[in-house]
C-alpha cells in the first residue's frame, strides 16, 4: 500500500509538489515594477484633473435639470391658477370663453393662458391629424 500522509487541510495549500520538488509558499501576484516616481505623480495629477472635469459636468447636468424642473413647476402653477379662476367664474354662473372654445372644438383659435403643459401638446397632436 502507498503511504498516506495525514496533514491538516490548511497545510495542504501551503506545501505543493512541483516536479518532485517541494515548493514553499512565497509572495504571490505581480512583483512591483520600478515605476518612475515622476511618471506616477503625473498620472495621479491627470487622474485628478479628469475626476474634477467629470464632477463639473455632473454638476452642470444637475443644475440644468433643476432649472428645467423649476420652469415646469412655474408653468404648472400658472395653469393651476388659470383653472382656479375658471372655477371661481363658473361658481358665479359665468362660463369663461376658453371653456366655451374647448366645448365647441375651437381650441386652436383661442390663445392659451397656461404657457405650455398638457393643453398645448394636445392641440399640437390634434392639428397634425386633420
Protein backbone atom coordinates (compact mmCIF):
# COMPACT_ATOMS: atom_id res chain seq x y z
CA UNK A 1 0.00 0.00 0.00
CA UNK A 2 1.05 3.58 -0.57
CA UNK A 3 2.00 5.73 2.32
CA UNK A 4 -0.68 8.24 3.25
CA UNK A 5 0.48 11.35 4.99
CA UNK A 6 -2.11 12.73 7.33
CA UNK A 7 -1.94 16.51 7.48
CA UNK A 8 -4.35 19.23 8.34
CA UNK A 9 -6.31 20.64 5.38
CA UNK A 10 -4.85 24.14 5.80
CA UNK A 11 -1.37 22.75 5.38
CA UNK A 12 -2.15 21.16 2.02
CA UNK A 13 -2.33 24.55 0.38
CA UNK A 14 0.91 25.68 1.98
CA UNK A 15 3.18 22.93 0.59
CA UNK A 16 2.98 21.88 -3.07
CA UNK A 17 4.88 19.30 -5.01
CA UNK A 18 6.20 20.66 -8.28
CA UNK A 19 8.15 18.25 -10.48
CA UNK A 20 9.14 16.19 -7.48
CA UNK A 21 10.40 19.15 -5.50
CA UNK A 22 8.69 20.75 -2.55
CA UNK A 23 7.81 24.34 -3.34
CA UNK A 24 7.44 26.59 -0.34
CA UNK A 25 4.95 29.42 -0.48
CA UNK A 26 6.28 32.83 -1.32
CA UNK A 27 4.82 36.15 -2.27
CA UNK A 28 2.00 35.88 -4.74
CA UNK A 29 0.94 38.21 -7.51
CA UNK A 30 2.90 40.61 -9.62
CA UNK A 31 6.13 41.99 -8.41
CA UNK A 32 6.01 45.76 -8.23
CA UNK A 33 7.86 47.26 -11.14
CA UNK A 34 10.26 50.09 -10.56
CA UNK A 35 7.94 52.89 -11.59
CA UNK A 36 9.38 56.29 -12.15
CA UNK A 37 8.10 58.49 -9.34
CA UNK A 38 7.58 61.48 -11.65
CA UNK A 39 5.50 59.43 -14.08
CA UNK A 40 3.41 58.07 -11.23
CA UNK A 41 2.84 61.57 -9.87
CA UNK A 42 1.87 62.87 -13.31
CA UNK A 43 -0.61 60.01 -13.78
CA UNK A 44 -2.12 60.86 -10.41
CA UNK A 45 -2.44 64.53 -11.38
CA UNK A 46 -4.03 63.63 -14.70
CA UNK A 47 -6.49 61.34 -12.97
CA UNK A 48 -7.40 64.12 -10.55
CA UNK A 49 -7.94 66.55 -13.47
CA UNK A 50 -10.24 64.08 -15.19
CA UNK A 51 -12.14 63.50 -11.96
CA UNK A 52 -12.68 67.22 -11.49
CA UNK A 53 -13.85 67.57 -15.10
CA UNK A 54 -16.35 64.73 -14.64
CA UNK A 55 -17.57 66.31 -11.41
CA UNK A 56 -18.02 69.68 -13.14
CA UNK A 57 -20.05 68.09 -15.94
CA UNK A 58 -22.18 66.20 -13.45
CA UNK A 59 -22.95 69.40 -11.53
CA UNK A 60 -23.78 71.27 -14.76
CA UNK A 61 -26.18 68.49 -15.75
CA UNK A 62 -27.85 68.58 -12.32
CA UNK A 63 -28.17 72.37 -12.41
CA UNK A 64 -29.82 72.22 -15.84
CA UNK A 65 -32.14 69.50 -14.58
CA UNK A 66 -33.13 71.60 -11.56
CA UNK A 67 -33.77 74.70 -13.67
CA UNK A 68 -35.92 72.76 -16.15
CA UNK A 69 -37.94 71.29 -13.28
CA UNK A 70 -38.36 74.78 -11.78
CA UNK A 71 -39.65 76.08 -15.13
CA UNK A 72 -42.09 73.18 -15.33
CA UNK A 73 -43.29 73.92 -11.80
CA UNK A 74 -43.87 77.59 -12.69
CA UNK A 75 -45.84 76.61 -15.78
CA UNK A 76 -47.96 74.18 -13.77
CA UNK A 77 -48.63 76.83 -11.11
CA UNK A 78 -49.80 79.25 -13.80
CA UNK A 79 -52.04 76.57 -15.27
CA UNK A 80 -53.44 75.78 -11.81
CA UNK A 81 -54.15 79.47 -11.21
CA UNK A 82 -55.95 79.66 -14.55
CA UNK A 83 -58.10 76.66 -13.60
CA UNK A 84 -58.87 78.23 -10.21
CA UNK A 85 -60.03 81.40 -11.98
CA UNK A 86 -62.20 79.35 -14.31
CA UNK A 87 -63.76 77.51 -11.37
CA UNK A 88 -64.49 80.73 -9.47
CA UNK A 89 -66.04 82.23 -12.61
CA UNK A 90 -68.21 79.15 -13.07
CA UNK A 91 -69.23 79.30 -9.41
CA UNK A 92 -70.53 82.81 -10.12
CA UNK A 93 -72.54 81.47 -13.07
CA UNK A 94 -70.20 82.73 -15.80
CA UNK A 95 -68.67 80.45 -18.38
CA UNK A 96 -65.16 81.57 -19.42
CA UNK A 97 -64.60 81.99 -23.14
CA UNK A 98 -61.76 79.46 -23.05
CA UNK A 99 -64.09 76.75 -21.76
CA UNK A 100 -66.68 77.64 -24.40
CA UNK A 101 -63.99 77.30 -27.05
CA UNK A 102 -62.94 73.93 -25.65
CA UNK A 103 -66.53 72.70 -25.64
CA UNK A 104 -67.18 73.81 -29.22
CA UNK A 105 -63.86 72.48 -30.51
CA UNK A 106 -62.37 75.87 -31.38
CA UNK A 107 -59.35 75.23 -29.17
CA UNK A 108 -56.87 76.40 -31.81
CA UNK A 109 -58.46 79.85 -32.24
CA UNK A 110 -58.14 80.91 -28.57
CA UNK A 111 -54.80 81.88 -27.04
CA UNK A 112 -53.59 79.71 -24.19
CA UNK A 113 -53.04 81.33 -20.82
CA UNK A 114 -51.18 78.37 -19.29
CA UNK A 115 -47.99 78.78 -21.27
CA UNK A 116 -47.47 75.11 -22.02
CA UNK A 117 -48.35 71.93 -20.24
CA UNK A 118 -50.73 69.27 -21.43
CA UNK A 119 -53.15 71.53 -23.34
CA UNK A 120 -50.65 72.77 -25.90
CA UNK A 121 -49.30 69.28 -26.54
CA UNK A 122 -52.84 68.03 -27.18
CA UNK A 123 -53.56 70.86 -29.59
CA UNK A 124 -50.32 70.12 -31.46
CA UNK A 125 -51.30 66.46 -31.78
CA UNK A 126 -54.81 67.36 -32.99
CA UNK A 127 -53.58 69.89 -35.53
CA UNK A 128 -51.49 67.25 -37.31
CA UNK A 129 -54.38 64.78 -37.70
CA UNK A 130 -56.91 66.85 -39.67
